[in-house]
Amino acid sequence: MTAAALIAILLGMILLLIRTLIGPTLYDRVLAVNSFGTKTVLALGLLGYVMGRPEFLDIAILYAMINFVSTIAILKFFRYRSFQVPLVRRGGAQGGKR
């Protein structure tokens, strides 16, 4: 049963790699990479369960946190073209300030 689950996760990872390579937009590619990271966390957890090594779960949780932070950083970079927080937004209304 666990072998079937691992095969299903690996098949999903292969499909996500294909989506990463041929994704029509940048956001599709970022979503595919994020989903690939999530599948990696699942595979690490399942592998740790099968091997009887609970420390794999710690590694999986750490990888999930790194995956989350890196996805937010990538999306912020592509939105602002910088990792710095903009002090003043350019263009548009000033949000009620006159």
PDB file of N, CA and C in Angstrom:
ATOM      1  N   MET A   1       0.820  -1.198   0.000  1.00  0.00           N
ATOM      2  CA  MET A   1       0.000   0.000   0.000  1.00  0.00           C
ATOM      3  C   MET A   1       0.864   1.262   0.000  1.00  0.00           C
ATOM      4  N   THR A   2       1.909   1.256   0.794  1.00  0.00           N
ATOM      5  CA  THR A   2       2.775   2.432   0.826  1.00  0.00           C
ATOM      6  C   THR A   2       3.577   2.562  -0.473  1.00  0.00           C
ATOM      7  N   ALA A   3       3.880   1.428  -1.102  1.00  0.00           N
ATOM      8  CA  ALA A   3       4.582   1.485  -2.390  1.00  0.00           C
ATOM      9  C   ALA A   3       3.690   2.129  -3.445  1.00  0.00           C
ATOM     10  N   ALA A   4       2.401   1.821  -3.416  1.00  0.00           N
ATOM     11  CA  ALA A   4       1.468   2.430  -4.367  1.00  0.00           C
ATOM     12  C   ALA A   4       1.355   3.934  -4.115  1.00  0.00           C
ATOM     13  N   ALA A   5       1.355   4.332  -2.858  1.00  0.00           N
ATOM     14  CA  ALA A   5       1.290   5.757  -2.535  1.00  0.00           C
ATOM     15  C   ALA A   5       2.549   6.472  -3.012  1.00  0.00           C
ATOM     16  N   LEU A   6       3.700   5.854  -2.816  1.00  0.00           N
ATOM     17  CA  LEU A   6       4.955   6.465  -3.260  1.00  0.00           C
ATOM     18  C   LEU A   6       5.015   6.562  -4.782  1.00  0.00           C
ATOM     19  N   ILE A   7       4.525   5.548  -5.472  1.00  0.00           N
ATOM     20  CA  ILE A   7       4.489   5.588  -6.934  1.00  0.00           C
ATOM     21  C   ILE A   7       3.547   6.693  -7.410  1.00  0.00           C
ATOM     22  N   ALA A   8       2.402   6.860  -6.742  1.00  0.00           N
ATOM     23  CA  ALA A   8       1.469   7.916  -7.114  1.00  0.00           C
ATOM     24  C   ALA A   8       2.077   9.299  -6.890  1.00  0.00           C
ATOM     25  N   ILE A   9       2.798   9.468  -5.802  1.00  0.00           N
ATOM     26  CA  ILE A   9       3.454  10.751  -5.529  1.00  0.00           C
ATOM     27  C   ILE A   9       4.522  11.027  -6.579  1.00  0.00           C
ATOM     28  N   LEU A  10       5.315  10.022  -6.924  1.00  0.00           N
ATOM     29  CA  LEU A  10       6.352  10.205  -7.937  1.00  0.00           C
ATOM     30  C   LEU A  10       5.766  10.503  -9.314  1.00  0.00           C
ATOM     31  N   LEU A  11       4.639   9.869  -9.633  1.00  0.00           N
ATOM     32  CA  LEU A  11       3.965  10.158 -10.899  1.00  0.00           C
ATOM     33  C   LEU A  11       3.465  11.605 -10.916  1.00  0.00           C
ATOM     34  N   GLY A  12       2.913  12.051  -9.800  1.00  0.00           N
ATOM     35  CA  GLY A  12       2.490  13.443  -9.702  1.00  0.00           C
ATOM     36  C   GLY A  12       3.657  14.408  -9.833  1.00  0.00           C
ATOM     37  N   MET A  13       4.811  14.031  -9.281  1.00  0.00           N
ATOM     38  CA  MET A  13       5.999  14.880  -9.396  1.00  0.00           C
ATOM     39  C   MET A  13       6.477  14.970 -10.844  1.00  0.00           C
ATOM     40  N   ILE A  14       6.386  13.878 -11.579  1.00  0.00           N
ATOM     41  CA  ILE A  14       6.774  13.898 -12.989  1.00  0.00           C
ATOM     42  C   ILE A  14       5.849  14.814 -13.783  1.00  0.00           C
ATOM     43  N   LEU A  15       4.544  14.729 -13.504  1.00  0.00           N
ATOM     44  CA  LEU A  15       3.593  15.601 -14.190  1.00  0.00           C
ATOM     45  C   LEU A  15       3.829  17.073 -13.840  1.00  0.00           C
ATOM     46  N   LEU A  16       4.212  17.335 -12.599  1.00  0.00           N
ATOM     47  CA  LEU A  16       4.497  18.717 -12.206  1.00  0.00           C
ATOM     48  C   LEU A  16       5.765  19.235 -12.872  1.00  0.00           C
ATOM     49  N   LEU A  17       6.751  18.371 -13.070  1.00  0.00           N
ATOM     50  CA  LEU A  17       7.946  18.793 -13.803  1.00  0.00           C
ATOM     51  C   LEU A  17       7.616  19.155 -15.249  1.00  0.00           C
ATOM     52  N   ILE A  18       6.715  18.391 -15.844  1.00  0.00           N
ATOM     53  CA  ILE A  18       6.280  18.711 -17.205  1.00  0.00           C
ATOM     54  C   ILE A  18       5.566  20.052 -17.225  1.00  0.00           C
ATOM     55  N   ARG A  19       4.702  20.292 -16.221  1.00  0.00           N
ATOM     56  CA  ARG A  19       3.994  21.569 -16.134  1.00  0.00           C
ATOM     57  C   ARG A  19       4.966  22.722 -15.918  1.00  0.00           C
ATOM     58  N   THR A  20       6.028  22.474 -15.169  1.00  0.00           N
ATOM     59  CA  THR A  20       7.028  23.513 -14.946  1.00  0.00           C
ATOM     60  C   THR A  20       7.725  23.886 -16.251  1.00  0.00           C
ATOM     61  N   LEU A  21       7.997  22.910 -17.087  1.00  0.00           N
ATOM     62  CA  LEU A  21       8.710  23.179 -18.328  1.00  0.00           C
ATOM     63  C   LEU A  21       7.838  23.806 -19.399  1.00  0.00           C
ATOM     64  N   ILE A  22       6.556  23.417 -19.495  1.00  0.00           N
ATOM     65  CA  ILE A  22       5.703  23.915 -20.573  1.00  0.00           C
ATOM     66  C   ILE A  22       4.590  24.832 -20.078  1.00  0.00           C
ATOM     67  N   GLY A  23       4.660  25.267 -18.835  1.00  0.00           N
ATOM     68  CA  GLY A  23       3.621  26.147 -18.305  1.00  0.00           C
ATOM     69  C   GLY A  23       3.470  27.393 -19.157  1.00  0.00           C
ATOM     70  N   PRO A  24       2.246  27.774 -19.485  1.00  0.00           N
ATOM     71  CA  PRO A  24       2.078  28.922 -20.378  1.00  0.00           C
ATOM     72  C   PRO A  24       2.472  30.259 -19.738  1.00  0.00           C
ATOM     73  N   THR A  25       2.292  30.392 -18.438  1.00  0.00           N
ATOM     74  CA  THR A  25       2.645  31.654 -17.790  1.00  0.00           C
ATOM     75  C   THR A  25       3.650  31.402 -16.671  1.00  0.00           C
ATOM     76  N   LEU A  26       4.222  32.484 -16.215  1.00  0.00           N
ATOM     77  CA  LEU A  26       5.186  32.407 -15.124  1.00  0.00           C
ATOM     78  C   LEU A  26       4.524  31.892 -13.846  1.00  0.00           C
ATOM     79  N   TYR A  27       3.301  32.329 -13.591  1.00  0.00           N
ATOM     80  CA  TYR A  27       2.619  31.925 -12.366  1.00  0.00           C
ATOM     81  C   TYR A  27       2.255  30.443 -12.370  1.00  0.00           C
ATOM     82  N   ASP A  28       1.983  29.892 -13.545  1.00  0.00           N
ATOM     83  CA  ASP A  28       1.773  28.441 -13.639  1.00  0.00           C
ATOM     84  C   ASP A  28       3.040  27.684 -13.268  1.00  0.00           C
ATOM     85  N   ARG A  29       4.167  28.206 -13.685  1.00  0.00           N
ATOM     86  CA  ARG A  29       5.441  27.562 -13.361  1.00  0.00           C
ATOM     87  C   ARG A  29       5.761  27.652 -11.882  1.00  0.00           C
ATOM     88  N   VAL A  30       5.489  28.816 -11.281  1.00  0.00           N
ATOM     89  CA  VAL A  30       5.725  28.972  -9.842  1.00  0.00           C
ATOM     90  C   VAL A  30       4.807  28.050  -9.056  1.00  0.00           C
ATOM     91  N   LEU A  31       3.554  27.946  -9.468  1.00  0.00           N
ATOM     92  CA  LEU A  31       2.613  27.042  -8.801  1.00  0.00           C
ATOM     93  C   LEU A  31       3.062  25.593  -8.934  1.00  0.00           C
ATOM     94  N   ALA A  32       3.587  25.219 -10.095  1.00  0.00           N
ATOM     95  CA  ALA A  32       4.059  23.849 -10.291  1.00  0.00           C
ATOM     96  C   ALA A  32       5.276  23.555  -9.415  1.00  0.00           C
ATOM     97  N   VAL A  33       6.184  24.523  -9.292  1.00  0.00           N
ATOM     98  CA  VAL A  33       7.355  24.319  -8.434  1.00  0.00           C
ATOM     99  C   VAL A  33       6.936  24.214  -6.967  1.00  0.00           C
ATOM    100  N   ASN A  34       5.968  25.037  -6.564  1.00  0.00           N
ATOM    101  CA  ASN A  34       5.465  24.963  -5.186  1.00  0.00           C
ATOM    102  C   ASN A  34       4.787  23.617  -4.930  1.00  0.00           C
ATOM    103  N   SER A  35       4.003  23.158  -5.879  1.00  0.00           N
ATOM    104  CA  SER A  35       3.352  21.852  -5.726  1.00  0.00           C
ATOM    105  C   SER A  35       4.374  20.718  -5.724  1.00  0.00           C
ATOM    106  N   PHE A  36       5.435  20.870  -6.503  1.00  0.00           N
ATOM    107  CA  PHE A  36       6.506  19.871  -6.493  1.00  0.00           C
ATOM    108  C   PHE A  36       7.148  19.802  -5.114  1.00  0.00           C
ATOM    109  N   GLY A  37       7.353  20.953  -4.486  1.00  0.00           N
ATOM    110  CA  GLY A  37       7.892  20.975  -3.125  1.00  0.00           C
ATOM    111  C   GLY A  37       6.965  20.301  -2.130  1.00  0.00           C
ATOM    112  N   THR A  38       5.669  20.510  -2.312  1.00  0.00           N
ATOM    113  CA  THR A  38       4.693  19.857  -1.429  1.00  0.00           C
ATOM    114  C   THR A  38       4.722  18.345  -1.612  1.00  0.00           C
ATOM    115  N   LYS A  39       4.820  17.895  -2.843  1.00  0.00           N
ATOM    116  CA  LYS A  39       4.925  16.448  -3.097  1.00  0.00           C
ATOM    117  C   LYS A  39       6.223  15.886  -2.517  1.00  0.00           C
ATOM    118  N   THR A  40       7.289  16.686  -2.537  1.00  0.00           N
ATOM    119  CA  THR A  40       8.540  16.244  -1.944  1.00  0.00           C
ATOM    120  C   THR A  40       8.390  16.060  -0.440  1.00  0.00           C
ATOM    121  N   VAL A  41       7.665  16.969   0.195  1.00  0.00           N
ATOM    122  CA  VAL A  41       7.398  16.843   1.637  1.00  0.00           C
ATOM    123  C   VAL A  41       6.600  15.572   1.907  1.00  0.00           C
ATOM    124  N   LEU A  42       5.602  15.298   1.077  1.00  0.00           N
ATOM    125  CA  LEU A  42       4.827  14.061   1.239  1.00  0.00           C
ATOM    126  C   LEU A  42       5.703  12.826   1.058  1.00  0.00           C
ATOM    127  N   ALA A  43       6.565  12.850   0.059  1.00  0.00           N
ATOM    128  CA  ALA A  43       7.446  11.696  -0.188  1.00  0.00           C
ATOM    129  C   ALA A  43       8.421  11.501   0.973  1.00  0.00           C
ATOM    130  N   LEU A  44       8.956  12.598   1.526  1.00  0.00           N
ATOM    131  CA  LEU A  44       9.849  12.472   2.682  1.00  0.00           C
ATOM    132  C   LEU A  44       9.125  11.893   3.893  1.00  0.00           C
ATOM    133  N   GLY A  45       7.913  12.358   4.127  1.00  0.00           N
ATOM    134  CA  GLY A  45       7.136  11.828   5.249  1.00  0.00           C
ATOM    135  C   GLY A  45       6.810  10.355   5.078  1.00  0.00           C
ATOM    136  N   LEU A  46       6.427   9.982   3.879  1.00  0.00           N
ATOM    137  CA  LEU A  46       6.115   8.577   3.606  1.00  0.00           C
ATOM    138  C   LEU A  46       7.361   7.704   3.695  1.00  0.00           C
ATOM    139  N   LEU A  47       8.455   8.200   3.189  1.00  0.00           N
ATOM    140  CA  LEU A  47       9.710   7.441   3.258  1.00  0.00           C
ATOM    141  C   LEU A  47      10.166   7.275   4.710  1.00  0.00           C
ATOM    142  N   GLY A  48      10.008   8.321   5.500  1.00  0.00           N
ATOM    143  CA  GLY A  48      10.348   8.220   6.924  1.00  0.00           C
ATOM    144  C   GLY A  48       9.470   7.221   7.654  1.00  0.00           C
ATOM    145  N   TYR A  49       8.195   7.168   7.285  1.00  0.00           N
ATOM    146  CA  TYR A  49       7.283   6.204   7.896  1.00  0.00           C
ATOM    147  C   TYR A  49       7.670   4.772   7.524  1.00  0.00           C
ATOM    148  N   VAL A  50       7.976   4.557   6.249  1.00  0.00           N
ATOM    149  CA  VAL A  50       8.310   3.212   5.779  1.00  0.00           C
ATOM    150  C   VAL A  50       9.614   2.728   6.407  1.00  0.00           C
ATOM    151  N   MET A  51      10.598   3.621   6.513  1.00  0.00           N
ATOM    152  CA  MET A  51      11.898   3.231   7.048  1.00  0.00           C
ATOM    153  C   MET A  51      11.930   3.247   8.572  1.00  0.00           C
ATOM    154  N   GLY A  52      10.883   3.748   9.204  1.00  0.00           N
ATOM    155  CA  GLY A  52      10.851   3.799  10.660  1.00  0.00           C
ATOM    156  C   GLY A  52      11.797   4.835  11.236  1.00  0.00           C
ATOM    157  N   ARG A  53      11.999   5.925  10.514  1.00  0.00           N
ATOM    158  CA  ARG A  53      12.915   6.982  10.945  1.00  0.00           C
ATOM    159  C   ARG A  53      12.116   8.265  11.127  1.00  0.00           C
ATOM    160  N   PRO A  54      11.714   8.566  12.356  1.00  0.00           N
ATOM    161  CA  PRO A  54      10.868   9.760  12.581  1.00  0.00           C
ATOM    162  C   PRO A  54      11.589  11.082  12.329  1.00  0.00           C
ATOM    163  N   GLU A  55      12.918  11.072  12.274  1.00  0.00           N
ATOM    164  CA  GLU A  55      13.620  12.331  12.009  1.00  0.00           C
ATOM    165  C   GLU A  55      13.391  12.829  10.583  1.00  0.00           C
ATOM    166  N   PHE A  56      12.925  11.957   9.694  1.00  0.00           N
ATOM    167  CA  PHE A  56      12.574  12.395   8.348  1.00  0.00           C
ATOM    168  C   PHE A  56      11.418  13.392   8.393  1.00  0.00           C
ATOM    169  N   LEU A  57      10.537  13.267   9.371  1.00  0.00           N
ATOM    170  CA  LEU A  57       9.432  14.210   9.494  1.00  0.00           C
ATOM    171  C   LEU A  57       9.934  15.606   9.843  1.00  0.00           C
ATOM    172  N   ASP A  58      10.982  15.685  10.657  1.00  0.00           N
ATOM    173  CA  ASP A  58      11.573  16.988  10.962  1.00  0.00           C
ATOM    174  C   ASP A  58      12.151  17.621   9.700  1.00  0.00           C
ATOM    175  N   ILE A  59      12.810  16.814   8.907  1.00  0.00           N
ATOM    176  CA  ILE A  59      13.373  17.311   7.648  1.00  0.00           C
ATOM    177  C   ILE A  59      12.251  17.748   6.711  1.00  0.00           C
ATOM    178  N   ALA A  60      11.161  16.989   6.681  1.00  0.00           N
ATOM    179  CA  ALA A  60      10.033  17.336   5.815  1.00  0.00           C
ATOM    180  C   ALA A  60       9.395  18.656   6.248  1.00  0.00           C
ATOM    181  N   ILE A  61       9.252  18.880   7.558  1.00  0.00           N
ATOM    182  CA  ILE A  61       8.674  20.133   8.043  1.00  0.00           C
ATOM    183  C   ILE A  61       9.594  21.305   7.709  1.00  0.00           C
ATOM    184  N   LEU A  62      10.876  21.125   7.874  1.00  0.00           N
ATOM    185  CA  LEU A  62      11.834  22.175   7.525  1.00  0.00           C
ATOM    186  C   LEU A  62      11.785  22.484   6.034  1.00  0.00           C
ATOM    187  N   TYR A  63      11.700  21.460   5.223  1.00  0.00           N
ATOM    188  CA  TYR A  63      11.616  21.661   3.776  1.00  0.00           C
ATOM    189  C   TYR A  63      10.324  22.373   3.402  1.00  0.00           C
ATOM    190  N   ALA A  64       9.222  22.064   4.096  1.00  0.00           N
ATOM    191  CA  ALA A  64       7.950  22.740   3.825  1.00  0.00           C
ATOM    192  C   ALA A  64       8.047  24.229   4.146  1.00  0.00           C
ATOM    193  N   MET A  65       8.712  24.578   5.241  1.00  0.00           N
ATOM    194  CA  MET A  65       8.876  25.991   5.585  1.00  0.00           C
ATOM    195  C   MET A  65       9.749  26.706   4.556  1.00  0.00           C
ATOM    196  N   ILE A  66      10.825  26.074   4.124  1.00  0.00           N
ATOM    197  CA  ILE A  66      11.692  26.675   3.107  1.00  0.00           C
ATOM    198  C   ILE A  66      10.926  26.837   1.794  1.00  0.00           C
ATOM    199  N   ASN A  67      10.117  25.859   1.450  1.00  0.00           N
ATOM    200  CA  ASN A  67       9.317  25.918   0.228  1.00  0.00           C
ATOM    201  C   ASN A  67       8.339  27.085   0.289  1.00  0.00           C
ATOM    202  N   PHE A  68       7.692  27.284   1.410  1.00  0.00           N
ATOM    203  CA  PHE A  68       6.729  28.370   1.563  1.00  0.00           C
ATOM    204  C   PHE A  68       7.401  29.731   1.445  1.00  0.00           C
ATOM    205  N   VAL A  69       8.493  29.913   2.170  1.00  0.00           N
ATOM    206  CA  VAL A  69       9.191  31.204   2.156  1.00  0.00           C
ATOM    207  C   VAL A  69       9.761  31.505   0.773  1.00  0.00           C
ATOM    208  N   SER A  70      10.308  30.508   0.115  1.00  0.00           N
ATOM    209  CA  SER A  70      10.877  30.743  -1.210  1.00  0.00           C
ATOM    210  C   SER A  70       9.793  31.072  -2.235  1.00  0.00           C
ATOM    211  N   THR A  71       8.623  30.463  -2.130  1.00  0.00           N
ATOM    212  CA  THR A  71       7.530  30.787  -3.047  1.00  0.00           C
ATOM    213  C   THR A  71       7.074  32.225  -2.862  1.00  0.00           C
ATOM    214  N   ILE A  72       6.939  32.667  -1.611  1.00  0.00           N
ATOM    215  CA  ILE A  72       6.561  34.048  -1.345  1.00  0.00           C
ATOM    216  C   ILE A  72       7.629  35.002  -1.877  1.00  0.00           C
ATOM    217  N   ALA A  73       8.907  34.667  -1.684  1.00  0.00           N
ATOM    218  CA  ALA A  73       9.991  35.524  -2.164  1.00  0.00           C
ATOM    219  C   ALA A  73      10.004  35.612  -3.689  1.00  0.00           C
ATOM    220  N   ILE A  74       9.778  34.494  -4.360  1.00  0.00           N
ATOM    221  CA  ILE A  74       9.772  34.502  -5.823  1.00  0.00           C
ATOM    222  C   ILE A  74       8.615  35.340  -6.348  1.00  0.00           C
ATOM    223  N   LEU A  75       7.430  35.173  -5.759  1.00  0.00           N
ATOM    224  CA  LEU A  75       6.282  35.954  -6.216  1.00  0.00           C
ATOM    225  C   LEU A  75       6.476  37.443  -5.934  1.00  0.00           C
ATOM    226  N   LYS A  76       7.067  37.781  -4.809  1.00  0.00           N
ATOM    227  CA  LYS A  76       7.332  39.187  -4.507  1.00  0.00           C
ATOM    228  C   LYS A  76       8.346  39.761  -5.489  1.00  0.00           C
ATOM    229  N   PHE A  77       9.356  38.996  -5.803  1.00  0.00           N
ATOM    230  CA  PHE A  77      10.356  39.476  -6.751  1.00  0.00           C
ATOM    231  C   PHE A  77       9.744  39.734  -8.120  1.00  0.00           C
ATOM    232  N   PHE A  78       8.902  38.831  -8.596  1.00  0.00           N
ATOM    233  CA  PHE A  78       8.314  39.020  -9.914  1.00  0.00           C
ATOM    234  C   PHE A  78       7.269  40.128  -9.926  1.00  0.00           C
ATOM    235  N   ARG A  79       6.719  40.462  -8.780  1.00  0.00           N
ATOM    236  CA  ARG A  79       5.754  41.562  -8.737  1.00  0.00           C
ATOM    237  C   ARG A  79       6.453  42.913  -8.690  1.00  0.00           C
ATOM    238  N   TYR A  80       7.454  43.056  -7.827  1.00  0.00           N
ATOM    239  CA  TYR A  80       8.110  44.347  -7.638  1.00  0.00           C
ATOM    240  C   TYR A  80       9.471  44.462  -8.327  1.00  0.00           C
ATOM    241  N   ARG A  81       9.995  43.376  -8.871  1.00  0.00           N
ATOM    242  CA  ARG A  81      11.322  43.320  -9.477  1.00  0.00           C
ATOM    243  C   ARG A  81      12.425  43.684  -8.495  1.00  0.00           C
ATOM    244  N   SER A  82      12.130  43.502  -7.200  1.00  0.00           N
ATOM    245  CA  SER A  82      13.110  43.775  -6.163  1.00  0.00           C
ATOM    246  C   SER A  82      12.660  43.064  -4.897  1.00  0.00           C
ATOM    247  N   PHE A  83      13.608  42.755  -4.029  1.00  0.00           N
ATOM    248  CA  PHE A  83      13.256  42.154  -2.756  1.00  0.00           C
ATOM    249  C   PHE A  83      13.019  43.198  -1.679  1.00  0.00           C
ATOM    250  N   GLN A  84      13.248  44.474  -1.993  1.00  0.00           N
ATOM    251  CA  GLN A  84      13.028  45.534  -1.024  1.00  0.00           C
ATOM    252  C   GLN A  84      11.567  45.955  -1.047  1.00  0.00           C
ATOM    253  N   VAL A  85      11.074  46.389   0.095  1.00  0.00           N
ATOM    254  CA  VAL A  85       9.688  46.839   0.195  1.00  0.00           C
ATOM    255  C   VAL A  85       9.599  48.242  -0.386  1.00  0.00           C
ATOM    256  N   PRO A  86       8.680  48.466  -1.330  1.00  0.00           N
ATOM    257  CA  PRO A  86       8.555  49.819  -1.877  1.00  0.00           C
ATOM    258  C   PRO A  86       7.936  50.755  -0.835  1.00  0.00           C
ATOM    259  N   LEU A  87       8.536  51.930  -0.680  1.00  0.00           N
ATOM    260  CA  LEU A  87       8.015  52.887   0.294  1.00  0.00           C
ATOM    261  C   LEU A  87       6.799  53.613  -0.242  1.00  0.00           C
ATOM    262  N   VAL A  88       6.805  53.944  -1.515  1.00  0.00           N
ATOM    263  CA  VAL A  88       5.690  54.645  -2.137  1.00  0.00           C
ATOM    264  C   VAL A  88       5.318  53.896  -3.395  1.00  0.00           C
ATOM    265  N   ARG A  89       4.040  53.639  -3.541  1.00  0.00           N
ATOM    266  CA  ARG A  89       3.591  52.978  -4.763  1.00  0.00           C
ATOM    267  C   ARG A  89       3.562  53.978  -5.895  1.00  0.00           C
ATOM    268  N   ARG A  90       3.973  53.543  -7.046  1.00  0.00           N
ATOM    269  CA  ARG A  90       4.008  54.413  -8.207  1.00  0.00           C
ATOM    270  C   ARG A  90       2.683  54.346  -8.942  1.00  0.00           C
ATOM    271  N   GLY A  91       2.222  55.495  -9.437  1.00  0.00           N
ATOM    272  CA  GLY A  91       1.013  55.535 -10.245  1.00  0.00           C
ATOM    273  C   GLY A  91      -0.242  55.333  -9.412  1.00  0.00           C
ATOM    274  N   GLY A  92      -1.380  55.529 -10.041  1.00  0.00           N
ATOM    275  CA  GLY A  92      -2.659  55.290  -9.379  1.00  0.00           C
ATOM    276  C   GLY A  92      -2.948  56.299  -8.278  1.00  0.00           C
ATOM    277  N   ALA A  93      -4.075  56.104  -7.612  1.00  0.00           N
ATOM    278  CA  ALA A  93      -4.497  56.982  -6.526  1.00  0.00           C
ATOM    279  C   ALA A  93      -3.641  56.721  -5.289  1.00  0.00           C
ATOM    280  N   GLN A  94      -3.588  57.705  -4.422  1.00  0.00           N
ATOM    281  CA  GLN A  94      -2.779  57.596  -3.207  1.00  0.00           C
ATOM    282  C   GLN A  94      -3.571  57.007  -2.047  1.00  0.00           C
ATOM    283  N   GLY A  95      -4.727  56.458  -2.291  1.00  0.00           N
ATOM    284  CA  GLY A  95      -5.467  55.777  -1.221  1.00  0.00           C
ATOM    285  C   GLY A  95      -6.064  56.737  -0.197  1.00  0.00           C
ATOM    286  N   GLY A  96      -6.627  57.844  -0.657  1.00  0.00           N
ATOM    287  CA  GLY A  96      -7.295  58.767   0.261  1.00  0.00           C
ATOM    288  C   GLY A  96      -6.396  59.887   0.727  1.00  0.00           C
ATOM    289  N   LYS A  97      -5.116  59.864   0.489  1.00  0.00           N
ATOM    290  CA  LYS A  97      -4.217  60.946   0.900  1.00  0.00           C
ATOM    291  C   LYS A  97      -4.276  62.062  -0.142  1.00  0.00           C
ATOM    292  N   ARG A  98      -4.321  63.298   0.337  1.00  0.00           N
ATOM    293  CA  ARG A  98      -4.379  64.442  -0.578  1.00  0.00           C
ATOM    294  C   ARG A  98      -3.333  65.425  -0.277  1.00  0.00           C
TER     295      ARG A  98
END
